[in-house]
Amino acid sequence: MSLSPLAKPEWRSFFDAVSPSLRASVVEVEVSGLGLEARIARDWARLAALSYSEQNDILEISVHGADLAIRRPARIHLRRDGPWLQSVEILDSEGNHAFVIFKEPLRLPQPSAALPRANGA
């Protein structure tokens, strides 16, 4: 299993490329940060969307019954095991973390220019 950074210029193309596979995945969304207690924002719900807007510099996480907008994300990391995505970890510009954890690992499409490879893969 590896944790690999996703370079900012790749954010939009990555989420656009994997969006069809992400929809309807069951996820848990956890948020923690400076001045915040670790908390579950949404416990095991269906993911409706995970997208990044370059224009607004916002990463949007939409699950059934809740939406979370992360303004000015600073870093995004992918935790995966080979072609299987296990979680997306986001750090915003204020030091808050959000974790999107897949109940069942998600098989990513074959690597292409839009899908960065995990280190050592």
PDB file of N, CA and C in Angstrom:
ATOM      1  N   MET A   1       0.848  -1.165   0.000  1.00  0.00           N
ATOM      2  CA  MET A   1       0.000   0.000   0.000  1.00  0.00           C
ATOM      3  C   MET A   1       0.895   1.229   0.000  1.00  0.00           C
ATOM      4  N   SER A   2       0.515   2.245  -0.784  1.00  0.00           N
ATOM      5  CA  SER A   2       1.333   3.443  -0.836  1.00  0.00           C
ATOM      6  C   SER A   2       0.457   4.684  -0.739  1.00  0.00           C
ATOM      7  N   LEU A   3       1.065   5.734  -0.245  1.00  0.00           N
ATOM      8  CA  LEU A   3       0.427   7.040  -0.188  1.00  0.00           C
ATOM      9  C   LEU A   3       1.205   7.918  -1.143  1.00  0.00           C
ATOM     10  N   SER A   4       0.559   8.371  -2.203  1.00  0.00           N
ATOM     11  CA  SER A   4       1.275   9.162  -3.199  1.00  0.00           C
ATOM     12  C   SER A   4       0.591  10.511  -3.392  1.00  0.00           C
ATOM     13  N   PRO A   5       1.406  11.564  -3.526  1.00  0.00           N
ATOM     14  CA  PRO A   5       0.828  12.893  -3.757  1.00  0.00           C
ATOM     15  C   PRO A   5       0.269  12.999  -5.164  1.00  0.00           C
ATOM     16  N   LEU A   6      -0.768  13.776  -5.281  1.00  0.00           N
ATOM     17  CA  LEU A   6      -1.340  14.092  -6.576  1.00  0.00           C
ATOM     18  C   LEU A   6      -0.992  15.552  -6.845  1.00  0.00           C
ATOM     19  N   ALA A   7      -0.215  15.805  -7.883  1.00  0.00           N
ATOM     20  CA  ALA A   7       0.232  17.163  -8.196  1.00  0.00           C
ATOM     21  C   ALA A   7      -0.971  18.041  -8.565  1.00  0.00           C
ATOM     22  N   LYS A   8      -0.964  19.277  -8.091  1.00  0.00           N
ATOM     23  CA  LYS A   8      -2.095  20.180  -8.304  1.00  0.00           C
ATOM     24  C   LYS A   8      -2.513  20.303  -9.769  1.00  0.00           C
ATOM     25  N   PRO A   9      -1.595  20.383 -10.728  1.00  0.00           N
ATOM     26  CA  PRO A   9      -2.039  20.470 -12.130  1.00  0.00           C
ATOM     27  C   PRO A   9      -2.837  19.235 -12.591  1.00  0.00           C
ATOM     28  N   GLU A  10      -2.760  18.133 -11.842  1.00  0.00           N
ATOM     29  CA  GLU A  10      -3.457  16.892 -12.208  1.00  0.00           C
ATOM     30  C   GLU A  10      -4.804  16.733 -11.511  1.00  0.00           C
ATOM     31  N   TRP A  11      -5.135  17.586 -10.546  1.00  0.00           N
ATOM     32  CA  TRP A  11      -6.337  17.388  -9.751  1.00  0.00           C
ATOM     33  C   TRP A  11      -7.597  17.286 -10.595  1.00  0.00           C
ATOM     34  N   ARG A  12      -7.838  18.289 -11.411  1.00  0.00           N
ATOM     35  CA  ARG A  12      -9.085  18.300 -12.179  1.00  0.00           C
ATOM     36  C   ARG A  12      -9.157  17.110 -13.128  1.00  0.00           C
ATOM     37  N   SER A  13      -8.085  16.865 -13.878  1.00  0.00           N
ATOM     38  CA  SER A  13      -8.124  15.762 -14.844  1.00  0.00           C
ATOM     39  C   SER A  13      -8.264  14.413 -14.141  1.00  0.00           C
ATOM     40  N   PHE A  14      -7.646  14.257 -12.978  1.00  0.00           N
ATOM     41  CA  PHE A  14      -7.768  12.996 -12.238  1.00  0.00           C
ATOM     42  C   PHE A  14      -9.216  12.761 -11.827  1.00  0.00           C
ATOM     43  N   PHE A  15      -9.831  13.755 -11.161  1.00  0.00           N
ATOM     44  CA  PHE A  15     -11.204  13.567 -10.697  1.00  0.00           C
ATOM     45  C   PHE A  15     -12.179  13.446 -11.859  1.00  0.00           C
ATOM     46  N   ASP A  16     -11.932  14.169 -12.957  1.00  0.00           N
ATOM     47  CA  ASP A  16     -12.780  14.007 -14.146  1.00  0.00           C
ATOM     48  C   ASP A  16     -12.672  12.588 -14.706  1.00  0.00           C
ATOM     49  N   ALA A  17     -11.462  12.035 -14.714  1.00  0.00           N
ATOM     50  CA  ALA A  17     -11.239  10.699 -15.274  1.00  0.00           C
ATOM     51  C   ALA A  17     -11.841   9.592 -14.415  1.00  0.00           C
ATOM     52  N   VAL A  18     -11.778   9.740 -13.093  1.00  0.00           N
ATOM     53  CA  VAL A  18     -12.262   8.660 -12.225  1.00  0.00           C
ATOM     54  C   VAL A  18     -13.697   8.858 -11.762  1.00  0.00           C
ATOM     55  N   SER A  19     -14.293  10.019 -12.049  1.00  0.00           N
ATOM     56  CA  SER A  19     -15.655  10.299 -11.591  1.00  0.00           C
ATOM     57  C   SER A  19     -16.663   9.201 -11.913  1.00  0.00           C
ATOM     58  N   PRO A  20     -16.691   8.686 -13.134  1.00  0.00           N
ATOM     59  CA  PRO A  20     -17.677   7.632 -13.410  1.00  0.00           C
ATOM     60  C   PRO A  20     -17.516   6.418 -12.491  1.00  0.00           C
ATOM     61  N   SER A  21     -16.288   6.089 -12.118  1.00  0.00           N
ATOM     62  CA  SER A  21     -16.045   4.949 -11.233  1.00  0.00           C
ATOM     63  C   SER A  21     -16.384   5.266  -9.784  1.00  0.00           C
ATOM     64  N   LEU A  22     -16.271   6.541  -9.390  1.00  0.00           N
ATOM     65  CA  LEU A  22     -16.489   6.937  -8.001  1.00  0.00           C
ATOM     66  C   LEU A  22     -17.955   6.965  -7.616  1.00  0.00           C
ATOM     67  N   ARG A  23     -18.808   7.331  -8.558  1.00  0.00           N
ATOM     68  CA  ARG A  23     -20.231   7.487  -8.247  1.00  0.00           C
ATOM     69  C   ARG A  23     -20.800   6.188  -7.698  1.00  0.00           C
ATOM     70  N   ALA A  24     -21.569   6.344  -6.636  1.00  0.00           N
ATOM     71  CA  ALA A  24     -22.257   5.237  -5.969  1.00  0.00           C
ATOM     72  C   ALA A  24     -21.336   4.374  -5.117  1.00  0.00           C
ATOM     73  N   SER A  25     -20.049   4.737  -5.009  1.00  0.00           N
ATOM     74  CA  SER A  25     -19.183   4.038  -4.066  1.00  0.00           C
ATOM     75  C   SER A  25     -19.622   4.401  -2.661  1.00  0.00           C
ATOM     76  N   VAL A  26     -19.476   3.473  -1.746  1.00  0.00           N
ATOM     77  CA  VAL A  26     -19.815   3.746  -0.352  1.00  0.00           C
ATOM     78  C   VAL A  26     -18.556   4.248   0.345  1.00  0.00           C
ATOM     79  N   VAL A  27     -18.656   5.436   0.961  1.00  0.00           N
ATOM     80  CA  VAL A  27     -17.504   6.071   1.576  1.00  0.00           C
ATOM     81  C   VAL A  27     -17.845   6.584   2.972  1.00  0.00           C
ATOM     82  N   GLU A  28     -16.789   6.809   3.726  1.00  0.00           N
ATOM     83  CA  GLU A  28     -16.890   7.518   4.994  1.00  0.00           C
ATOM     84  C   GLU A  28     -16.068   8.782   4.814  1.00  0.00           C
ATOM     85  N   VAL A  29     -16.585   9.918   5.257  1.00  0.00           N
ATOM     86  CA  VAL A  29     -15.867  11.183   5.156  1.00  0.00           C
ATOM     87  C   VAL A  29     -15.538  11.621   6.574  1.00  0.00           C
ATOM     88  N   GLU A  30     -14.245  11.807   6.834  1.00  0.00           N
ATOM     89  CA  GLU A  30     -13.780  12.219   8.152  1.00  0.00           C
ATOM     90  C   GLU A  30     -13.063  13.554   8.017  1.00  0.00           C
ATOM     91  N   VAL A  31     -13.314  14.460   8.943  1.00  0.00           N
ATOM     92  CA  VAL A  31     -12.704  15.786   8.910  1.00  0.00           C
ATOM     93  C   VAL A  31     -12.015  16.031  10.256  1.00  0.00           C
ATOM     94  N   SER A  32     -10.796  16.582  10.213  1.00  0.00           N
ATOM     95  CA  SER A  32     -10.081  16.942  11.436  1.00  0.00           C
ATOM     96  C   SER A  32      -9.176  18.119  11.132  1.00  0.00           C
ATOM     97  N   GLY A  33      -8.759  18.810  12.164  1.00  0.00           N
ATOM     98  CA  GLY A  33      -7.855  19.921  11.926  1.00  0.00           C
ATOM     99  C   GLY A  33      -7.607  20.752  13.155  1.00  0.00           C
ATOM    100  N   LEU A  34      -6.869  21.826  12.967  1.00  0.00           N
ATOM    101  CA  LEU A  34      -6.544  22.733  14.051  1.00  0.00           C
ATOM    102  C   LEU A  34      -7.838  23.333  14.597  1.00  0.00           C
ATOM    103  N   GLY A  35      -8.049  23.202  15.883  1.00  0.00           N
ATOM    104  CA  GLY A  35      -9.262  23.754  16.486  1.00  0.00           C
ATOM    105  C   GLY A  35     -10.497  22.898  16.261  1.00  0.00           C
ATOM    106  N   LEU A  36     -10.351  21.799  15.549  1.00  0.00           N
ATOM    107  CA  LEU A  36     -11.474  20.889  15.321  1.00  0.00           C
ATOM    108  C   LEU A  36     -11.155  19.549  15.956  1.00  0.00           C
ATOM    109  N   GLU A  37     -12.151  18.930  16.526  1.00  0.00           N
ATOM    110  CA  GLU A  37     -11.964  17.553  16.969  1.00  0.00           C
ATOM    111  C   GLU A  37     -12.123  16.675  15.734  1.00  0.00           C
ATOM    112  N   ALA A  38     -11.430  15.534  15.732  1.00  0.00           N
ATOM    113  CA  ALA A  38     -11.652  14.597  14.630  1.00  0.00           C
ATOM    114  C   ALA A  38     -13.120  14.189  14.685  1.00  0.00           C
ATOM    115  N   ARG A  39     -13.774  14.239  13.548  1.00  0.00           N
ATOM    116  CA  ARG A  39     -15.180  13.868  13.523  1.00  0.00           C
ATOM    117  C   ARG A  39     -15.521  13.217  12.196  1.00  0.00           C
ATOM    118  N   ILE A  40     -16.518  12.407  12.259  1.00  0.00           N
ATOM    119  CA  ILE A  40     -17.027  11.783  11.046  1.00  0.00           C
ATOM    120  C   ILE A  40     -18.057  12.742  10.462  1.00  0.00           C
ATOM    121  N   ALA A  41     -17.787  13.252   9.281  1.00  0.00           N
ATOM    122  CA  ALA A  41     -18.726  14.170   8.638  1.00  0.00           C
ATOM    123  C   ALA A  41     -19.890  13.382   8.046  1.00  0.00           C
ATOM    124  N   ARG A  42     -19.594  12.180   7.577  1.00  0.00           N
ATOM    125  CA  ARG A  42     -20.635  11.328   7.007  1.00  0.00           C
ATOM    126  C   ARG A  42     -20.154   9.892   7.109  1.00  0.00           C
ATOM    127  N   ASP A  43     -20.966   9.036   7.731  1.00  0.00           N
ATOM    128  CA  ASP A  43     -20.602   7.655   7.977  1.00  0.00           C
ATOM    129  C   ASP A  43     -21.215   6.747   6.918  1.00  0.00           C
ATOM    130  N   TRP A  44     -20.391   6.079   6.132  1.00  0.00           N
ATOM    131  CA  TRP A  44     -20.762   5.085   5.131  1.00  0.00           C
ATOM    132  C   TRP A  44     -22.014   5.473   4.342  1.00  0.00           C
ATOM    133  N   ALA A  45     -21.812   6.375   3.432  1.00  0.00           N
ATOM    134  CA  ALA A  45     -22.886   6.850   2.560  1.00  0.00           C
ATOM    135  C   ALA A  45     -22.430   6.735   1.106  1.00  0.00           C
ATOM    136  N   ARG A  46     -23.378   6.791   0.208  1.00  0.00           N
ATOM    137  CA  ARG A  46     -23.053   6.717  -1.221  1.00  0.00           C
ATOM    138  C   ARG A  46     -22.463   8.041  -1.694  1.00  0.00           C
ATOM    139  N   LEU A  47     -21.350   7.940  -2.401  1.00  0.00           N
ATOM    140  CA  LEU A  47     -20.685   9.106  -2.961  1.00  0.00           C
ATOM    141  C   LEU A  47     -21.418   9.531  -4.226  1.00  0.00           C
ATOM    142  N   ALA A  48     -21.786  10.801  -4.290  1.00  0.00           N
ATOM    143  CA  ALA A  48     -22.450  11.321  -5.478  1.00  0.00           C
ATOM    144  C   ALA A  48     -21.444  11.990  -6.404  1.00  0.00           C
ATOM    145  N   ALA A  49     -20.466  12.699  -5.825  1.00  0.00           N
ATOM    146  CA  ALA A  49     -19.479  13.393  -6.650  1.00  0.00           C
ATOM    147  C   ALA A  49     -18.241  13.737  -5.832  1.00  0.00           C
ATOM    148  N   LEU A  50     -17.128  13.762  -6.515  1.00  0.00           N
ATOM    149  CA  LEU A  50     -15.849  14.210  -5.954  1.00  0.00           C
ATOM    150  C   LEU A  50     -15.189  14.961  -7.095  1.00  0.00           C
ATOM    151  N   SER A  51     -15.136  16.292  -6.982  1.00  0.00           N
ATOM    152  CA  SER A  51     -14.643  17.083  -8.112  1.00  0.00           C
ATOM    153  C   SER A  51     -13.844  18.285  -7.631  1.00  0.00           C
ATOM    154  N   TYR A  52     -12.995  18.778  -8.525  1.00  0.00           N
ATOM    155  CA  TYR A  52     -12.183  19.944  -8.228  1.00  0.00           C
ATOM    156  C   TYR A  52     -12.445  21.025  -9.263  1.00  0.00           C
ATOM    157  N   SER A  53     -12.709  22.251  -8.785  1.00  0.00           N
ATOM    158  CA  SER A  53     -12.894  23.408  -9.660  1.00  0.00           C
ATOM    159  C   SER A  53     -11.649  24.280  -9.580  1.00  0.00           C
ATOM    160  N   GLU A  54     -10.920  24.344 -10.692  1.00  0.00           N
ATOM    161  CA  GLU A  54      -9.727  25.204 -10.742  1.00  0.00           C
ATOM    162  C   GLU A  54     -10.111  26.665 -10.598  1.00  0.00           C
ATOM    163  N   GLN A  55     -11.189  27.055 -11.236  1.00  0.00           N
ATOM    164  CA  GLN A  55     -11.622  28.445 -11.233  1.00  0.00           C
ATOM    165  C   GLN A  55     -11.898  28.943  -9.812  1.00  0.00           C
ATOM    166  N   ASN A  56     -12.572  28.132  -9.001  1.00  0.00           N
ATOM    167  CA  ASN A  56     -12.921  28.532  -7.636  1.00  0.00           C
ATOM    168  C   ASN A  56     -11.959  27.989  -6.586  1.00  0.00           C
ATOM    169  N   ASP A  57     -11.025  27.127  -6.992  1.00  0.00           N
ATOM    170  CA  ASP A  57     -10.084  26.459  -6.089  1.00  0.00           C
ATOM    171  C   ASP A  57     -10.821  25.784  -4.935  1.00  0.00           C
ATOM    172  N   ILE A  58     -11.792  24.927  -5.315  1.00  0.00           N
ATOM    173  CA  ILE A  58     -12.618  24.199  -4.345  1.00  0.00           C
ATOM    174  C   ILE A  58     -12.683  22.728  -4.744  1.00  0.00           C
ATOM    175  N   LEU A  59     -12.475  21.870  -3.754  1.00  0.00           N
ATOM    176  CA  LEU A  59     -12.695  20.441  -3.934  1.00  0.00           C
ATOM    177  C   LEU A  59     -14.040  20.126  -3.294  1.00  0.00           C
ATOM    178  N   GLU A  60     -14.942  19.561  -4.058  1.00  0.00           N
ATOM    179  CA  GLU A  60     -16.275  19.258  -3.553  1.00  0.00           C
ATOM    180  C   GLU A  60     -16.441  17.760  -3.353  1.00  0.00           C
ATOM    181  N   ILE A  61     -16.936  17.412  -2.163  1.00  0.00           N
ATOM    182  CA  ILE A  61     -17.253  16.027  -1.826  1.00  0.00           C
ATOM    183  C   ILE A  61     -18.750  15.995  -1.572  1.00  0.00           C
ATOM    184  N   SER A  62     -19.484  15.252  -2.381  1.00  0.00           N
ATOM    185  CA  SER A  62     -20.934  15.142  -2.220  1.00  0.00           C
ATOM    186  C   SER A  62     -21.293  13.699  -1.939  1.00  0.00           C
ATOM    187  N   VAL A  63     -21.928  13.491  -0.809  1.00  0.00           N
ATOM    188  CA  VAL A  63     -22.447  12.170  -0.470  1.00  0.00           C
ATOM    189  C   VAL A  63     -23.934  12.320  -0.192  1.00  0.00           C
ATOM    190  N   HIS A  64     -24.648  11.224  -0.235  1.00  0.00           N
ATOM    191  CA  HIS A  64     -26.082  11.260   0.001  1.00  0.00           C
ATOM    192  C   HIS A  64     -26.372  11.960   1.330  1.00  0.00           C
ATOM    193  N   GLY A  65     -27.047  13.096   1.252  1.00  0.00           N
ATOM    194  CA  GLY A  65     -27.444  13.815   2.459  1.00  0.00           C
ATOM    195  C   GLY A  65     -26.457  14.850   2.974  1.00  0.00           C
ATOM    196  N   ALA A  66     -25.302  15.013   2.342  1.00  0.00           N
ATOM    197  CA  ALA A  66     -24.328  15.995   2.830  1.00  0.00           C
ATOM    198  C   ALA A  66     -23.352  16.387   1.729  1.00  0.00           C
ATOM    199  N   ASP A  67     -22.939  17.641   1.758  1.00  0.00           N
ATOM    200  CA  ASP A  67     -21.924  18.139   0.840  1.00  0.00           C
ATOM    201  C   ASP A  67     -20.842  18.819   1.666  1.00  0.00           C
ATOM    202  N   LEU A  68     -19.612  18.681   1.220  1.00  0.00           N
ATOM    203  CA  LEU A  68     -18.479  19.320   1.884  1.00  0.00           C
ATOM    204  C   LEU A  68     -17.657  20.012   0.806  1.00  0.00           C
ATOM    205  N   ALA A  69     -17.440  21.315   0.967  1.00  0.00           N
ATOM    206  CA  ALA A  69     -16.614  22.087   0.028  1.00  0.00           C
ATOM    207  C   ALA A  69     -15.321  22.450   0.746  1.00  0.00           C
ATOM    208  N   ILE A  70     -14.216  22.019   0.196  1.00  0.00           N
ATOM    209  CA  ILE A  70     -12.910  22.322   0.776  1.00  0.00           C
ATOM    210  C   ILE A  70     -12.303  23.444  -0.056  1.00  0.00           C
ATOM    211  N   ARG A  71     -12.235  24.617   0.547  1.00  0.00           N
ATOM    212  CA  ARG A  71     -11.711  25.788  -0.140  1.00  0.00           C
ATOM    213  C   ARG A  71     -10.192  25.817  -0.053  1.00  0.00           C
ATOM    214  N   ARG A  72      -9.576  26.166  -1.164  1.00  0.00           N
ATOM    215  CA  ARG A  72      -8.119  26.266  -1.265  1.00  0.00           C
ATOM    216  C   ARG A  72      -7.394  25.024  -0.729  1.00  0.00           C
ATOM    217  N   PRO A  73      -7.690  23.854  -1.312  1.00  0.00           N
ATOM    218  CA  PRO A  73      -6.935  22.674  -0.882  1.00  0.00           C
ATOM    219  C   PRO A  73      -5.450  22.886  -1.181  1.00  0.00           C
ATOM    220  N   ALA A  74      -4.611  22.461  -0.256  1.00  0.00           N
ATOM    221  CA  ALA A  74      -3.165  22.644  -0.423  1.00  0.00           C
ATOM    222  C   ALA A  74      -2.503  21.392  -0.985  1.00  0.00           C
ATOM    223  N   ARG A  75      -2.967  20.214  -0.530  1.00  0.00           N
ATOM    224  CA  ARG A  75      -2.377  18.954  -0.982  1.00  0.00           C
ATOM    225  C   ARG A  75      -3.452  17.881  -1.048  1.00  0.00           C
ATOM    226  N   ILE A  76      -3.268  16.980  -1.983  1.00  0.00           N
ATOM    227  CA  ILE A  76      -4.129  15.803  -2.091  1.00  0.00           C
ATOM    228  C   ILE A  76      -3.213  14.594  -2.231  1.00  0.00           C
ATOM    229  N   HIS A  77      -3.500  13.560  -1.433  1.00  0.00           N
ATOM    230  CA  HIS A  77      -2.756  12.304  -1.510  1.00  0.00           C
ATOM    231  C   HIS A  77      -3.738  11.173  -1.785  1.00  0.00           C
ATOM    232  N   LEU A  78      -3.269  10.195  -2.536  1.00  0.00           N
ATOM    233  CA  LEU A  78      -4.055   9.000  -2.834  1.00  0.00           C
ATOM    234  C   LEU A  78      -3.426   7.818  -2.110  1.00  0.00           C
ATOM    235  N   ARG A  79      -4.235   7.107  -1.346  1.00  0.00           N
ATOM    236  CA  ARG A  79      -3.761   5.877  -0.714  1.00  0.00           C
ATOM    237  C   ARG A  79      -4.279   4.739  -1.558  1.00  0.00           C
ATOM    238  N   ARG A  80      -3.324   3.987  -2.126  1.00  0.00           N
ATOM    239  CA  ARG A  80      -3.738   2.887  -2.982  1.00  0.00           C
ATOM    240  C   ARG A  80      -2.820   1.690  -2.847  1.00  0.00           C
ATOM    241  N   ASP A  81      -3.369   0.591  -3.305  1.00  0.00           N
ATOM    242  CA  ASP A  81      -2.651  -0.669  -3.328  1.00  0.00           C
ATOM    243  C   ASP A  81      -2.717  -1.140  -4.775  1.00  0.00           C
ATOM    244  N   GLY A  82      -1.642  -0.871  -5.526  1.00  0.00           N
ATOM    245  CA  GLY A  82      -1.651  -1.173  -6.957  1.00  0.00           C
ATOM    246  C   GLY A  82      -2.737  -0.346  -7.627  1.00  0.00           C
ATOM    247  N   PRO A  83      -3.649  -0.998  -8.359  1.00  0.00           N
ATOM    248  CA  PRO A  83      -4.698  -0.252  -9.054  1.00  0.00           C
ATOM    249  C   PRO A  83      -5.908   0.072  -8.166  1.00  0.00           C
ATOM    250  N   TRP A  84      -5.861  -0.276  -6.892  1.00  0.00           N
ATOM    251  CA  TRP A  84      -7.010  -0.112  -5.998  1.00  0.00           C
ATOM    252  C   TRP A  84      -6.879   1.151  -5.159  1.00  0.00           C
ATOM    253  N   LEU A  85      -7.838   2.066  -5.293  1.00  0.00           N
ATOM    254  CA  LEU A  85      -7.869   3.293  -4.504  1.00  0.00           C
ATOM    255  C   LEU A  85      -8.587   3.008  -3.189  1.00  0.00           C
ATOM    256  N   GLN A  86      -7.899   3.305  -2.076  1.00  0.00           N
ATOM    257  CA  GLN A  86      -8.490   3.048  -0.764  1.00  0.00           C
ATOM    258  C   GLN A  86      -8.982   4.313  -0.082  1.00  0.00           C
ATOM    259  N   SER A  87      -8.294   5.436  -0.337  1.00  0.00           N
ATOM    260  CA  SER A  87      -8.750   6.701   0.239  1.00  0.00           C
ATOM    261  C   SER A  87      -8.133   7.874  -0.494  1.00  0.00           C
ATOM    262  N   VAL A  88      -8.784   9.020  -0.324  1.00  0.00           N
ATOM    263  CA  VAL A  88      -8.281  10.292  -0.824  1.00  0.00           C
ATOM    264  C   VAL A  88      -8.120  11.166   0.413  1.00  0.00           C
ATOM    265  N   GLU A  89      -6.929  11.729   0.581  1.00  0.00           N
ATOM    266  CA  GLU A  89      -6.639  12.540   1.753  1.00  0.00           C
ATOM    267  C   GLU A  89      -6.346  13.965   1.292  1.00  0.00           C
ATOM    268  N   ILE A  90      -7.062  14.917   1.883  1.00  0.00           N
ATOM    269  CA  ILE A  90      -6.962  16.308   1.461  1.00  0.00           C
ATOM    270  C   ILE A  90      -6.526  17.168   2.641  1.00  0.00           C
ATOM    271  N   LEU A  91      -5.573  18.051   2.409  1.00  0.00           N
ATOM    272  CA  LEU A  91      -5.136  19.034   3.403  1.00  0.00           C
ATOM    273  C   LEU A  91      -5.447  20.403   2.827  1.00  0.00           C
ATOM    274  N   ASP A  92      -6.195  21.229   3.588  1.00  0.00           N
ATOM    275  CA  ASP A  92      -6.501  22.561   3.066  1.00  0.00           C
ATOM    276  C   ASP A  92      -5.478  23.585   3.542  1.00  0.00           C
ATOM    277  N   SER A  93      -5.625  24.816   3.086  1.00  0.00           N
ATOM    278  CA  SER A  93      -4.647  25.863   3.385  1.00  0.00           C
ATOM    279  C   SER A  93      -4.651  26.293   4.850  1.00  0.00           C
ATOM    280  N   GLU A  94      -5.659  25.878   5.619  1.00  0.00           N
ATOM    281  CA  GLU A  94      -5.730  26.232   7.038  1.00  0.00           C
ATOM    282  C   GLU A  94      -5.291  25.086   7.945  1.00  0.00           C
ATOM    283  N   GLY A  95      -4.809  24.000   7.367  1.00  0.00           N
ATOM    284  CA  GLY A  95      -4.332  22.869   8.157  1.00  0.00           C
ATOM    285  C   GLY A  95      -5.385  21.830   8.497  1.00  0.00           C
ATOM    286  N   ASN A  96      -6.578  21.948   7.939  1.00  0.00           N
ATOM    287  CA  ASN A  96      -7.626  20.959   8.169  1.00  0.00           C
ATOM    288  C   ASN A  96      -7.445  19.791   7.206  1.00  0.00           C
ATOM    289  N   HIS A  97      -7.782  18.602   7.685  1.00  0.00           N
ATOM    290  CA  HIS A  97      -7.688  17.393   6.874  1.00  0.00           C
ATOM    291  C   HIS A  97      -9.086  16.849   6.606  1.00  0.00           C
ATOM    292  N   ALA A  98      -9.267  16.298   5.422  1.00  0.00           N
ATOM    293  CA  ALA A  98     -10.480  15.547   5.104  1.00  0.00           C
ATOM    294  C   ALA A  98     -10.028  14.225   4.491  1.00  0.00           C
ATOM    295  N   PHE A  99     -10.688  13.174   4.883  1.00  0.00           N
ATOM    296  CA  PHE A  99     -10.377  11.843   4.383  1.00  0.00           C
ATOM    297  C   PHE A  99     -11.645  11.259   3.773  1.00  0.00           C
ATOM    298  N   VAL A 100     -11.541  10.786   2.549  1.00  0.00           N
ATOM    299  CA  VAL A 100     -12.629  10.063   1.899  1.00  0.00           C
ATOM    300  C   VAL A 100     -12.156   8.622   1.839  1.00  0.00           C
ATOM    301  N   ILE A 101     -12.776   7.770   2.647  1.00  0.00           N
ATOM    302  CA  ILE A 101     -12.340   6.382   2.793  1.00  0.00           C
ATOM    303  C   ILE A 101     -13.366   5.477   2.110  1.00  0.00           C
ATOM    304  N   PHE A 102     -12.900   4.668   1.181  1.00  0.00           N
ATOM    305  CA  PHE A 102     -13.786   3.772   0.455  1.00  0.00           C
ATOM    306  C   PHE A 102     -14.014   2.495   1.257  1.00  0.00           C
ATOM    307  N   LYS A 103     -15.285   2.118   1.435  1.00  0.00           N
ATOM    308  CA  LYS A 103     -15.612   0.894   2.165  1.00  0.00           C
ATOM    309  C   LYS A 103     -15.025  -0.308   1.439  1.00  0.00           C
ATOM    310  N   GLU A 104     -15.176  -0.315   0.134  1.00  0.00           N
ATOM    311  CA  GLU A 104     -14.560  -1.327  -0.724  1.00  0.00           C
ATOM    312  C   GLU A 104     -13.576  -0.585  -1.618  1.00  0.00           C
ATOM    313  N   PRO A 105     -12.315  -1.011  -1.670  1.00  0.00           N
ATOM    314  CA  PRO A 105     -11.364  -0.311  -2.539  1.00  0.00           C
ATOM    315  C   PRO A 105     -11.912  -0.201  -3.958  1.00  0.00           C
ATOM    316  N   LEU A 106     -11.612   0.920  -4.578  1.00  0.00           N
ATOM    317  CA  LEU A 106     -12.109   1.217  -5.912  1.00  0.00           C
ATOM    318  C   LEU A 106     -11.025   0.939  -6.933  1.00  0.00           C
ATOM    319  N   ARG A 107     -11.336   0.144  -7.938  1.00  0.00           N
ATOM    320  CA  ARG A 107     -10.361  -0.129  -8.990  1.00  0.00           C
ATOM    321  C   ARG A 107     -10.277   1.072  -9.916  1.00  0.00           C
ATOM    322  N   LEU A 108      -9.076   1.621 -10.039  1.00  0.00           N
ATOM    323  CA  LEU A 108      -8.854   2.765 -10.915  1.00  0.00           C
ATOM    324  C   LEU A 108      -8.721   2.303 -12.356  1.00  0.00           C
ATOM    325  N   PRO A 109      -9.081   3.178 -13.302  1.00  0.00           N
ATOM    326  CA  PRO A 109      -8.871   2.846 -14.718  1.00  0.00           C
ATOM    327  C   PRO A 109      -7.381   2.646 -14.990  1.00  0.00           C
ATOM    328  N   GLN A 110      -7.060   2.050 -16.116  1.00  0.00           N
ATOM    329  CA  GLN A 110      -5.663   1.851 -16.508  1.00  0.00           C
ATOM    330  C   GLN A 110      -4.934   3.177 -16.514  1.00  0.00           C
ATOM    331  N   PRO A 111      -3.648   3.188 -16.124  1.00  0.00           N
ATOM    332  CA  PRO A 111      -2.890   4.451 -16.106  1.00  0.00           C
ATOM    333  C   PRO A 111      -2.882   5.117 -17.481  1.00  0.00           C
ATOM    334  N   SER A 112      -2.972   6.447 -17.426  1.00  0.00           N
ATOM    335  CA  SER A 112      -2.893   7.271 -18.641  1.00  0.00           C
ATOM    336  C   SER A 112      -2.301   8.596 -18.220  1.00  0.00           C
ATOM    337  N   ALA A 113      -2.299   9.542 -19.114  1.00  0.00           N
ATOM    338  CA  ALA A 113      -1.767  10.866 -18.775  1.00  0.00           C
ATOM    339  C   ALA A 113      -2.572  11.498 -17.643  1.00  0.00           C
ATOM    340  N   ALA A 114      -3.869  11.148 -17.509  1.00  0.00           N
ATOM    341  CA  ALA A 114      -4.711  11.744 -16.481  1.00  0.00           C
ATOM    342  C   ALA A 114      -4.588  11.039 -15.141  1.00  0.00           C
ATOM    343  N   LEU A 115      -4.018   9.852 -15.117  1.00  0.00           N
ATOM    344  CA  LEU A 115      -3.942   9.086 -13.886  1.00  0.00           C
ATOM    345  C   LEU A 115      -2.486   8.883 -13.478  1.00  0.00           C
ATOM    346  N   PRO A 116      -2.023   9.643 -12.499  1.00  0.00           N
ATOM    347  CA  PRO A 116      -0.635   9.489 -12.069  1.00  0.00           C
ATOM    348  C   PRO A 116      -0.428   8.135 -11.429  1.00  0.00           C
ATOM    349  N   ARG A 117       0.745   7.581 -11.615  1.00  0.00           N
ATOM    350  CA  ARG A 117       1.058   6.274 -11.053  1.00  0.00           C
ATOM    351  C   ARG A 117       1.566   6.442  -9.639  1.00  0.00           C
ATOM    352  N   ALA A 118       1.262   5.451  -8.798  1.00  0.00           N
ATOM    353  CA  ALA A 118       1.779   5.450  -7.429  1.00  0.00           C
ATOM    354  C   ALA A 118       3.290   5.287  -7.480  1.00  0.00           C
ATOM    355  N   ASN A 119       3.980   5.859  -6.525  1.00  0.00           N
ATOM    356  CA  ASN A 119       5.439   5.717  -6.479  1.00  0.00           C
ATOM    357  C   ASN A 119       5.806   4.249  -6.455  1.00  0.00           C
ATOM    358  N   GLY A 120       6.723   3.874  -7.285  1.00  0.00           N
ATOM    359  CA  GLY A 120       7.170   2.493  -7.332  1.00  0.00           C
ATOM    360  C   GLY A 120       6.283   1.588  -8.147  1.00  0.00           C
ATOM    361  N   ALA A 121       5.193   2.104  -8.727  1.00  0.00           N
ATOM    362  CA  ALA A 121       4.296   1.244  -9.517  1.00  0.00           C
ATOM    363  C   ALA A 121       4.744   1.182 -10.951  1.00  0.00           C
TER     364      ALA A 121
END
